[in-house]
Amino acid sequence: MTYNLLSQIPLFADLSSEELGHIQSVLDVQELAGGEILFREGEIGERLYIVVNGIIEVLMGEGKEEMLLNVLRTGEYLGEMGLILPGGRRTATVRAREKSVLLSMSRAQFLELARKNPQLSVSMVRVLSQRLDAANTHSFHDLTEKNKQLQAAYDDLKSAQIQIIEKERLERELQVAADIQLSILPDELPELDEFDFGARILPARQVGGDFYDIFQLNENQVGVVIGDVADKGVPSAIFMARVHALIMAETDINATSGEVMQAVNRHITRLQKSTQFVTALYGILDLKTRAFNYARAGHEPPLLLYADGTVERLPHGSGMALGLWGTVMLDERAVTLPRGSTLLLFTDGLTDCRDPNGELFGLERIKQKLSELNNNNAQQICDRLLASLKKYQAGSKQDDDVTLVAVHTFGGDSTIKIKKRQSELGE
């Protein structure tokens, strides 16, 4: 068997049977147990090894960081460079994967054989040339492949950089849009001897489509508006700004809340360039009589919290959102606010918010939470309702903007004062 192995090795392929028999007689036998190291990377190499049986692994490194370079089996050989490079060091570590038997030849043995058999030196040169040529070819293809990978990585990096730059630009624009939206909301809320106001807004995204405002119309009246543009994001925020501006402009022209809403709807639908629409409620609060006359365009009906903690959903009929049709049907109502009561206006993001199990916060839960806040002022009611909502939400995704506006009434004169707005865009 050893004779046949030697004849199949390119290094000895040109030798005669007599010469092969002589080589076989001088080869040493070495046995390795599974996992045993034959030699390590960096050690001085002076022997050629031929695998008789078993499996031999060629590695870079050892342990967790090792890299498998090659696997040798019966008839394959390694370490030939150790025969011609005195003091040369091993470039890899060799280990037996299983019990293995190898034949080995030292440099001294090889030089003695080469002296007696010059053809052996020629064979060595040929084998080394073939190895070098194969190594060059492999290196070329490996380098070509690595260049392709490097180019692909560069292209990916360049694309990622472009995406990062674009993302940063969009984030800056979103921040500008959020700042603009915040500037549209009132910086200050009226503070009266007989009335107290509060508000909170929490967009589902960086910018949203909800809006509100509380503003003085004249010495005896305050306007209150809340709205919810369909959809979310920048387009809704732009549409929201337009609707808010139209409402504010029309309050200077029209006398009643219904007239204001009708005029705004005509403006929105006149050019018919947008498929967006908005639900809204605009009311006029009379500071003398505590009457709140309002027009509701598809918006959530208000809730009224009495001083004793009773909560009532105000009577309501049908009402259409603004922006869908040229002629809009509104739900126009009037309510006189009892002393010590609070009127709560809100968007459907409050009712539609879900817990991690998907259950809606719902109108009944809002009424229950609101009934527990009858001793709070308007801003505290908004803050604590929103806190209850977030606790119920428990980290689940917010699907819609949430806006709250509260009007609380108590005794005293109706001298208008101003207080800083305590609402905010998000948290």
Protein backbone atom coordinates (compact mmCIF):
# COMPACT_ATOMS: atom_id res chain seq x y z
CA MET A 1 0.00 0.00 0.00
CA THR A 2 2.82 2.42 0.86
CA TYR A 3 4.45 1.72 -2.51
CA ASN A 4 1.21 2.60 -4.33
CA LEU A 5 0.84 5.81 -2.29
CA LEU A 6 4.34 6.94 -3.18
CA SER A 7 3.80 6.32 -6.89
CA GLN A 8 0.69 8.53 -6.83
CA ILE A 9 2.51 11.50 -5.28
CA PRO A 10 3.69 13.98 -7.96
CA LEU A 11 7.02 14.43 -6.15
CA PHE A 12 7.87 10.74 -6.67
CA ALA A 13 5.90 10.08 -9.87
CA ASP A 14 8.99 10.00 -12.13
CA LEU A 15 10.98 7.57 -9.99
CA SER A 16 11.51 3.92 -10.84
CA SER A 17 10.14 1.04 -8.82
CA GLU A 18 13.61 0.44 -7.40
CA GLU A 19 13.92 4.08 -6.35
CA LEU A 20 10.45 4.07 -4.81
CA GLY A 21 11.31 0.95 -2.89
CA HIS A 22 14.40 2.64 -1.52
CA ILE A 23 12.41 5.72 -0.45
CA GLN A 24 9.87 3.49 1.24
CA SER A 25 12.60 1.88 3.25
CA VAL A 26 13.84 5.18 4.71
CA LEU A 27 10.45 6.78 5.51
CA ASP A 28 9.46 7.05 9.16
CA VAL A 29 5.99 6.10 10.42
CA GLN A 30 4.15 8.51 12.72
CA GLU A 31 0.83 7.85 14.40
CA LEU A 32 -1.49 10.58 15.70
CA ALA A 33 -4.47 10.28 18.02
CA GLY A 34 -7.65 12.24 17.24
CA GLY A 35 -7.12 15.92 18.13
CA GLU A 36 -3.33 15.56 18.40
CA ILE A 37 -1.23 18.37 16.90
CA LEU A 38 1.40 17.35 14.31
CA PHE A 39 3.03 20.80 14.27
CA ARG A 40 2.04 24.41 14.95
CA GLU A 41 2.14 27.57 12.93
CA GLY A 42 5.51 29.32 13.38
CA GLU A 43 7.50 26.20 14.28
CA ILE A 44 10.62 25.35 12.25
CA GLY A 45 9.73 22.72 9.62
CA GLU A 46 12.12 20.09 8.35
CA ARG A 47 9.93 17.15 7.38
CA LEU A 48 7.55 16.10 4.60
CA TYR A 49 4.43 14.11 5.66
CA ILE A 50 2.30 11.68 3.63
CA VAL A 51 -1.16 10.62 4.89
CA VAL A 52 -1.47 6.84 4.91
CA ASN A 53 -4.90 6.78 6.56
CA GLY A 54 -7.09 9.04 8.69
CA ILE A 55 -8.01 12.72 8.28
CA ILE A 56 -5.64 15.64 8.79
CA GLU A 57 -6.79 19.29 9.27
CA VAL A 58 -4.76 22.34 8.24
CA LEU A 59 -5.62 25.35 10.44
CA MET A 60 -4.82 28.98 11.06
CA GLY A 61 -4.81 29.55 14.81
CA GLU A 62 -6.25 27.26 17.46
CA GLY A 63 -9.32 27.13 19.66
CA LYS A 64 -12.20 29.63 19.26
CA GLU A 65 -10.32 31.81 16.74
CA GLU A 66 -9.12 28.98 14.45
CA MET A 67 -9.85 28.88 10.73
CA LEU A 68 -9.93 25.61 8.77
CA LEU A 69 -7.86 25.96 5.59
CA ASN A 70 -7.78 22.42 4.23
CA VAL A 71 -8.55 18.76 4.97
CA LEU A 72 -6.11 16.03 3.82
CA ARG A 73 -6.87 12.33 3.37
CA THR A 74 -5.10 9.16 2.27
CA GLY A 75 -2.46 9.79 -0.42
CA GLU A 76 -2.18 13.54 0.15
CA TYR A 77 0.93 15.16 1.54
CA LEU A 78 2.10 18.35 3.26
CA GLY A 79 5.23 20.10 4.49
CA GLU A 80 7.30 19.75 1.31
CA MET A 81 8.69 23.28 1.73
CA GLY A 82 10.45 22.05 4.88
CA LEU A 83 12.69 19.88 2.68
CA ILE A 84 14.26 22.78 0.78
CA LEU A 85 14.12 25.77 3.15
CA PRO A 86 16.51 25.38 6.09
CA GLY A 87 15.09 27.16 9.10
CA GLY A 88 11.78 27.77 7.32
CA ARG A 89 8.76 28.13 9.59
CA ARG A 90 5.42 26.44 9.28
CA THR A 91 2.70 28.69 7.88
CA ALA A 92 -0.19 26.74 9.46
CA THR A 93 -1.08 24.35 12.27
CA VAL A 94 -1.75 20.70 11.43
CA ARG A 95 -3.96 18.47 13.59
CA ALA A 96 -5.41 14.97 13.29
CA ARG A 97 -9.20 14.98 13.17
CA GLU A 98 -9.23 11.27 13.99
CA LYS A 99 -6.67 8.52 14.57
CA SER A 100 -4.25 8.83 11.65
CA VAL A 101 -1.03 7.29 10.28
CA LEU A 102 1.54 9.32 8.36
CA LEU A 103 4.89 8.68 6.70
CA SER A 104 7.55 11.33 7.14
CA MET A 105 10.83 12.27 5.48
CA SER A 106 13.43 14.58 6.97
CA ARG A 107 15.47 17.15 5.02
CA ALA A 108 18.62 15.09 5.53
CA GLN A 109 16.87 12.02 4.10
CA PHE A 110 15.60 13.99 1.14
CA LEU A 111 19.00 15.52 0.35
CA GLU A 112 20.62 12.09 0.49
CA LEU A 113 17.95 10.68 -1.85
CA ALA A 114 18.28 13.66 -4.19
CA ARG A 115 22.06 13.13 -4.37
CA LYS A 116 21.54 9.51 -5.39
CA ASN A 117 18.45 10.27 -7.56
CA PRO A 118 18.85 13.66 -9.36
CA GLN A 119 15.44 13.16 -10.94
CA LEU A 120 13.96 13.73 -7.45
CA SER A 121 15.22 17.34 -7.46
CA VAL A 122 13.66 17.92 -10.89
CA SER A 123 10.38 16.53 -9.60
CA MET A 124 10.57 18.77 -6.56
CA VAL A 125 11.07 21.85 -8.76
CA ARG A 126 8.15 20.80 -10.96
CA VAL A 127 5.84 20.21 -7.99
CA LEU A 128 6.78 23.50 -6.36
CA SER A 129 6.25 25.33 -9.65
CA GLN A 130 2.84 23.76 -10.01
CA ARG A 131 2.01 24.68 -6.43
CA LEU A 132 3.22 28.24 -7.01
CA ASP A 133 1.23 28.55 -10.23
CA ALA A 134 -1.89 27.19 -8.52
CA ALA A 135 -1.34 29.56 -5.61
CA ASN A 136 -0.95 32.51 -7.98
CA THR A 137 -4.11 31.56 -9.86
CA HIS A 138 -6.01 31.11 -6.61
CA SER A 139 -4.67 34.41 -5.27
CA PHE A 140 -5.67 36.20 -8.47
CA HIS A 141 -9.21 34.82 -8.38
CA ASP A 142 -9.41 35.45 -4.64
CA LEU A 143 -8.22 39.03 -5.09
CA THR A 144 -10.67 39.56 -7.95
CA GLU A 145 -13.52 38.24 -5.80
CA LYS A 146 -12.45 40.37 -2.84
CA ASN A 147 -12.30 43.42 -5.12
CA LYS A 148 -15.86 42.68 -6.22
CA GLN A 149 -16.93 42.31 -2.60
CA LEU A 150 -15.09 45.49 -1.68
CA GLN A 151 -16.76 47.38 -4.52
CA ALA A 152 -20.15 46.02 -3.48
CA ALA A 153 -19.45 47.01 0.13
CA TYR A 154 -18.37 50.46 -1.03
CA ASP A 155 -21.55 50.83 -3.11
CA ASP A 156 -23.64 49.69 -0.11
CA LEU A 157 -21.80 52.14 2.14
CA LYS A 158 -22.31 54.94 -0.35
CA SER A 159 -26.01 54.08 -0.63
CA ALA A 160 -26.31 53.92 3.17
CA GLN A 161 -24.60 57.29 3.48
CA ILE A 162 -27.06 58.78 0.98
CA GLN A 163 -29.94 57.27 2.94
CA ILE A 164 -28.55 58.64 6.22
CA ILE A 165 -28.20 62.11 4.69
CA GLU A 166 -31.74 61.88 3.32
CA LYS A 167 -33.05 60.62 6.66
CA GLU A 168 -31.35 63.50 8.49
CA ARG A 169 -32.82 65.96 5.98
CA LEU A 170 -36.31 64.52 6.45
CA GLU A 171 -35.89 64.60 10.22
CA ARG A 172 -34.89 68.27 10.04
CA GLU A 173 -37.89 69.02 7.84
CA LEU A 174 -40.18 67.09 10.19
CA GLN A 175 -38.81 69.07 13.12
CA VAL A 176 -39.44 72.31 11.23
CA ALA A 177 -42.98 71.09 10.44
CA ALA A 178 -43.50 70.20 14.11
CA ASP A 179 -42.25 73.64 15.17
CA ILE A 180 -44.59 75.29 12.66
CA GLN A 181 -47.50 73.20 13.90
CA LEU A 182 -46.69 74.10 17.48
CA SER A 183 -46.61 77.78 16.54
CA ILE A 184 -50.13 77.46 15.09
CA LEU A 185 -51.47 76.29 18.44
CA PRO A 186 -52.10 79.00 21.03
CA ASP A 187 -49.15 80.04 23.17
CA GLU A 188 -51.53 81.32 25.82
CA LEU A 189 -55.04 80.47 26.97
CA PRO A 190 -57.50 83.03 28.31
CA GLU A 191 -57.73 83.02 32.09
CA LEU A 192 -61.04 84.40 33.41
CA ASP A 193 -62.48 84.98 36.83
CA GLU A 194 -65.44 82.76 35.98
CA PHE A 195 -63.83 80.31 33.55
CA ASP A 196 -60.73 78.15 33.40
CA PHE A 197 -59.31 76.49 30.25
CA GLY A 198 -56.98 73.58 29.63
CA ALA A 199 -55.67 71.66 26.61
CA ARG A 200 -53.33 68.81 25.63
CA ILE A 201 -52.32 67.42 22.25
CA LEU A 202 -50.30 64.26 21.58
CA PRO A 203 -49.58 63.43 17.91
CA ALA A 204 -49.20 59.80 16.85
CA ARG A 205 -46.22 60.92 14.76
CA GLN A 206 -43.81 63.82 14.96
CA VAL A 207 -46.46 65.96 13.33
CA GLY A 208 -50.19 65.30 13.23
CA GLY A 209 -53.55 66.45 11.97
CA ASP A 210 -55.28 67.43 15.24
CA PHE A 211 -55.62 71.07 16.27
CA TYR A 212 -57.37 73.28 18.80
CA ASP A 213 -57.62 76.92 19.76
CA ILE A 214 -59.19 79.05 22.49
CA PHE A 215 -59.29 82.77 21.73
CA GLN A 216 -61.14 85.98 22.63
CA LEU A 217 -63.73 87.11 20.07
CA ASN A 218 -64.81 90.23 21.91
CA GLU A 219 -65.30 91.48 25.45
CA ASN A 220 -68.10 89.02 26.17
CA GLN A 221 -67.27 86.00 23.99
CA VAL A 222 -64.53 83.37 23.65
CA GLY A 223 -64.16 81.05 20.66
CA VAL A 224 -63.29 77.38 21.21
CA VAL A 225 -62.36 75.07 18.32
CA ILE A 226 -61.09 71.50 18.03
CA GLY A 227 -60.46 69.54 14.84
CA ASP A 228 -59.18 66.24 13.51
CA VAL A 229 -57.87 65.91 9.94
CA ALA A 230 -58.24 62.45 8.42
CA ASP A 231 -54.92 60.56 8.31
CA LYS A 232 -51.65 61.62 9.97
CA GLY A 233 -48.22 62.98 9.11
CA VAL A 234 -47.02 66.00 7.14
CA PRO A 235 -49.89 66.15 4.57
CA SER A 236 -52.42 66.19 7.40
CA ALA A 237 -50.41 68.82 9.26
CA ILE A 238 -50.42 71.07 6.17
CA PHE A 239 -54.16 70.60 5.70
CA MET A 240 -54.68 71.23 9.42
CA ALA A 241 -52.83 74.56 9.17
CA ARG A 242 -55.03 75.58 6.26
CA VAL A 243 -58.28 74.69 8.05
CA HIS A 244 -57.17 76.43 11.24
CA ALA A 245 -56.33 79.59 9.32
CA LEU A 246 -59.71 79.52 7.55
CA ILE A 247 -61.59 79.13 10.84
CA MET A 248 -59.69 81.99 12.46
CA ALA A 249 -60.35 84.21 9.43
CA GLU A 250 -64.06 83.41 9.31
CA THR A 251 -64.60 84.08 13.03
CA ASP A 252 -63.88 87.75 12.27
CA ILE A 253 -66.60 87.81 9.61
CA ASN A 254 -69.45 85.50 10.61
CA ALA A 255 -71.55 85.85 13.75
CA THR A 256 -72.53 82.25 14.54
CA SER A 257 -70.56 79.04 14.84
CA GLY A 258 -72.66 77.43 12.10
CA GLU A 259 -71.94 80.28 9.67
CA VAL A 260 -68.22 79.96 10.34
CA MET A 261 -68.24 76.23 9.62
CA GLN A 262 -70.30 76.60 6.45
CA ALA A 263 -67.93 79.27 5.14
CA VAL A 264 -64.85 77.15 5.92
CA ASN A 265 -66.37 74.18 4.09
CA ARG A 266 -67.00 76.33 1.01
CA HIS A 267 -63.37 77.43 0.97
CA ILE A 268 -62.08 73.86 1.34
CA THR A 269 -64.27 72.38 -1.40
CA ARG A 270 -64.18 75.34 -3.82
CA LEU A 271 -61.08 74.24 -5.75
CA GLN A 272 -61.57 70.50 -5.09
CA LYS A 273 -57.81 69.88 -5.16
CA SER A 274 -57.69 67.70 -2.05
CA THR A 275 -59.32 64.44 -1.03
CA GLN A 276 -58.69 65.20 2.65
CA PHE A 277 -61.41 66.13 5.09
CA VAL A 278 -61.64 67.25 8.69
CA THR A 279 -64.04 66.74 11.56
CA ALA A 280 -64.35 69.83 13.74
CA LEU A 281 -66.33 71.49 16.48
CA TYR A 282 -66.44 75.25 16.84
CA GLY A 283 -68.32 76.96 19.65
CA ILE A 284 -68.82 80.44 21.05
CA LEU A 285 -68.81 80.78 24.83
CA ASP A 286 -70.85 83.65 26.24
CA LEU A 287 -69.05 84.94 29.32
CA LYS A 288 -72.17 86.52 30.77
CA THR A 289 -74.69 83.71 30.40
CA ARG A 290 -72.25 80.73 30.33
CA ALA A 291 -74.04 79.60 27.15
CA PHE A 292 -71.94 77.60 24.69
CA ASN A 293 -73.36 77.70 21.15
CA TYR A 294 -71.53 75.29 18.88
CA ALA A 295 -71.61 73.65 15.46
CA ARG A 296 -70.35 70.09 15.11
CA ALA A 297 -69.07 68.82 11.75
CA GLY A 298 -68.78 65.06 12.18
CA HIS A 299 -66.76 65.46 15.37
CA GLU A 300 -67.09 63.62 18.69
CA PRO A 301 -69.92 65.10 20.82
CA PRO A 302 -68.67 66.88 23.98
CA LEU A 303 -68.91 65.49 27.50
CA LEU A 304 -70.17 67.58 30.42
CA LEU A 305 -68.79 66.91 33.90
CA TYR A 306 -71.06 68.26 36.67
CA ALA A 307 -69.78 69.43 40.04
CA ASP A 308 -71.10 66.26 41.72
CA GLY A 309 -69.06 64.01 39.39
CA THR A 310 -71.91 63.09 37.06
CA VAL A 311 -70.85 62.88 33.40
CA GLU A 312 -73.24 63.44 30.51
CA ARG A 313 -72.68 63.09 26.79
CA LEU A 314 -74.38 66.10 25.26
CA PRO A 315 -77.33 65.44 22.95
CA HIS A 316 -76.32 65.22 19.32
CA GLY A 317 -77.68 64.64 15.87
CA SER A 318 -76.00 63.85 12.57
CA GLY A 319 -73.23 66.05 11.24
CA MET A 320 -70.95 65.89 8.21
CA ALA A 321 -67.19 66.41 8.07
CA LEU A 322 -65.82 69.48 6.27
CA GLY A 323 -64.27 69.10 2.84
CA LEU A 324 -66.33 66.24 1.42
CA TRP A 325 -69.28 68.05 -0.14
CA GLY A 326 -69.99 71.63 -1.19
CA THR A 327 -73.08 71.71 1.03
CA VAL A 328 -72.54 70.39 4.53
CA MET A 329 -75.11 69.47 7.18
CA LEU A 330 -74.04 70.52 10.67
CA ASP A 331 -75.18 69.53 14.14
CA GLU A 332 -75.80 72.92 15.80
CA ARG A 333 -76.48 72.96 19.54
CA ALA A 334 -76.41 75.18 22.61
CA VAL A 335 -75.71 74.28 26.24
CA THR A 336 -75.54 76.46 29.33
CA LEU A 337 -72.67 75.36 31.53
CA PRO A 338 -73.72 74.95 35.19
CA ARG A 339 -71.44 76.52 37.77
CA GLY A 340 -68.69 74.15 38.82
CA SER A 341 -69.02 72.06 35.64
CA THR A 342 -66.42 71.19 32.99
CA LEU A 343 -67.03 70.81 29.26
CA LEU A 344 -64.62 68.33 27.63
CA LEU A 345 -63.95 68.34 23.89
CA PHE A 346 -61.77 65.57 22.45
CA THR A 347 -60.72 63.84 19.23
CA ASP A 348 -61.46 60.18 18.49
CA GLY A 349 -57.81 59.28 19.14
CA LEU A 350 -58.83 59.22 22.81
CA THR A 351 -61.61 56.68 22.37
CA ASP A 352 -59.78 54.59 19.76
CA CYS A 353 -56.53 54.15 21.70
CA ARG A 354 -55.88 50.46 22.48
CA ASP A 355 -54.16 48.51 25.22
CA PRO A 356 -51.61 45.74 24.40
CA ASN A 357 -54.50 43.29 23.97
CA GLY A 358 -56.15 45.51 21.36
CA GLU A 359 -59.08 46.65 23.54
CA LEU A 360 -60.27 50.23 22.98
CA PHE A 361 -60.05 52.85 25.71
CA GLY A 362 -63.64 53.64 24.76
CA LEU A 363 -66.22 56.25 25.70
CA GLU A 364 -67.37 54.57 28.92
CA ARG A 365 -63.85 54.45 30.31
CA ILE A 366 -63.40 58.14 29.44
CA LYS A 367 -66.61 58.99 31.31
CA GLN A 368 -65.53 56.92 34.29
CA LYS A 369 -62.09 58.58 34.48
CA LEU A 370 -63.61 62.02 33.94
CA SER A 371 -66.12 61.53 36.78
CA GLU A 372 -63.20 61.09 39.20
CA LEU A 373 -61.76 64.50 38.29
CA ASN A 374 -64.62 66.81 39.30
CA ASN A 375 -62.45 68.61 41.86
CA ASN A 376 -59.68 69.41 39.34
CA ASN A 377 -59.22 72.51 37.21
CA ALA A 378 -59.40 72.38 33.42
CA GLN A 379 -55.70 71.81 32.78
CA GLN A 380 -55.41 69.15 35.47
CA ILE A 381 -58.35 67.31 33.91
CA CYS A 382 -56.59 67.25 30.52
CA ASP A 383 -53.26 66.20 32.03
CA ARG A 384 -54.71 63.43 34.17
CA LEU A 385 -56.94 62.05 31.45
CA LEU A 386 -53.92 61.81 29.16
CA ALA A 387 -51.90 60.15 31.94
CA SER A 388 -54.70 57.57 32.39
CA LEU A 389 -54.69 56.95 28.65
CA LYS A 390 -50.94 56.33 28.57
CA LYS A 391 -51.14 53.98 31.54
CA TYR A 392 -53.91 52.04 29.79
CA GLN A 393 -51.90 52.03 26.57
CA ALA A 394 -48.94 50.42 28.39
CA GLY A 395 -46.47 51.07 25.60
CA SER A 396 -48.64 49.79 22.75
CA LYS A 397 -48.56 51.68 19.46
CA GLN A 398 -50.52 54.92 19.25
CA ASP A 399 -52.57 54.83 16.06
CA ASP A 400 -54.07 58.32 16.08
CA ASP A 401 -53.48 61.82 17.41
CA VAL A 402 -55.08 62.64 20.76
CA THR A 403 -56.33 66.14 21.64
CA LEU A 404 -58.21 67.35 24.72
CA VAL A 405 -59.78 70.74 25.42
CA ALA A 406 -61.52 71.52 28.72
CA VAL A 407 -63.69 74.51 29.72
CA HIS A 408 -64.36 74.80 33.46
CA THR A 409 -66.76 77.31 34.96
CA PHE A 410 -66.95 78.74 38.48
CA GLY A 411 -68.16 81.95 40.15
CA GLY A 412 -66.81 85.55 39.90
CA ASP A 413 -66.56 88.39 37.39
CA SER A 414 -65.72 87.91 33.73
CA THR A 415 -62.58 90.00 33.50
CA ILE A 416 -60.30 88.45 30.87
CA LYS A 417 -56.75 87.59 31.91
CA ILE A 418 -54.07 85.60 30.12
CA LYS A 419 -52.14 82.55 31.23
CA LYS A 420 -49.41 80.57 29.56
CA ARG A 421 -50.56 77.58 27.51
CA GLN A 422 -49.77 74.37 29.34
CA SER A 423 -50.47 72.01 26.45
CA GLU A 424 -47.71 70.64 24.33
CA LEU A 425 -46.95 68.73 21.14
CA GLY A 426 -46.09 65.31 22.47
CA GLU A 427 -43.85 64.69 25.45
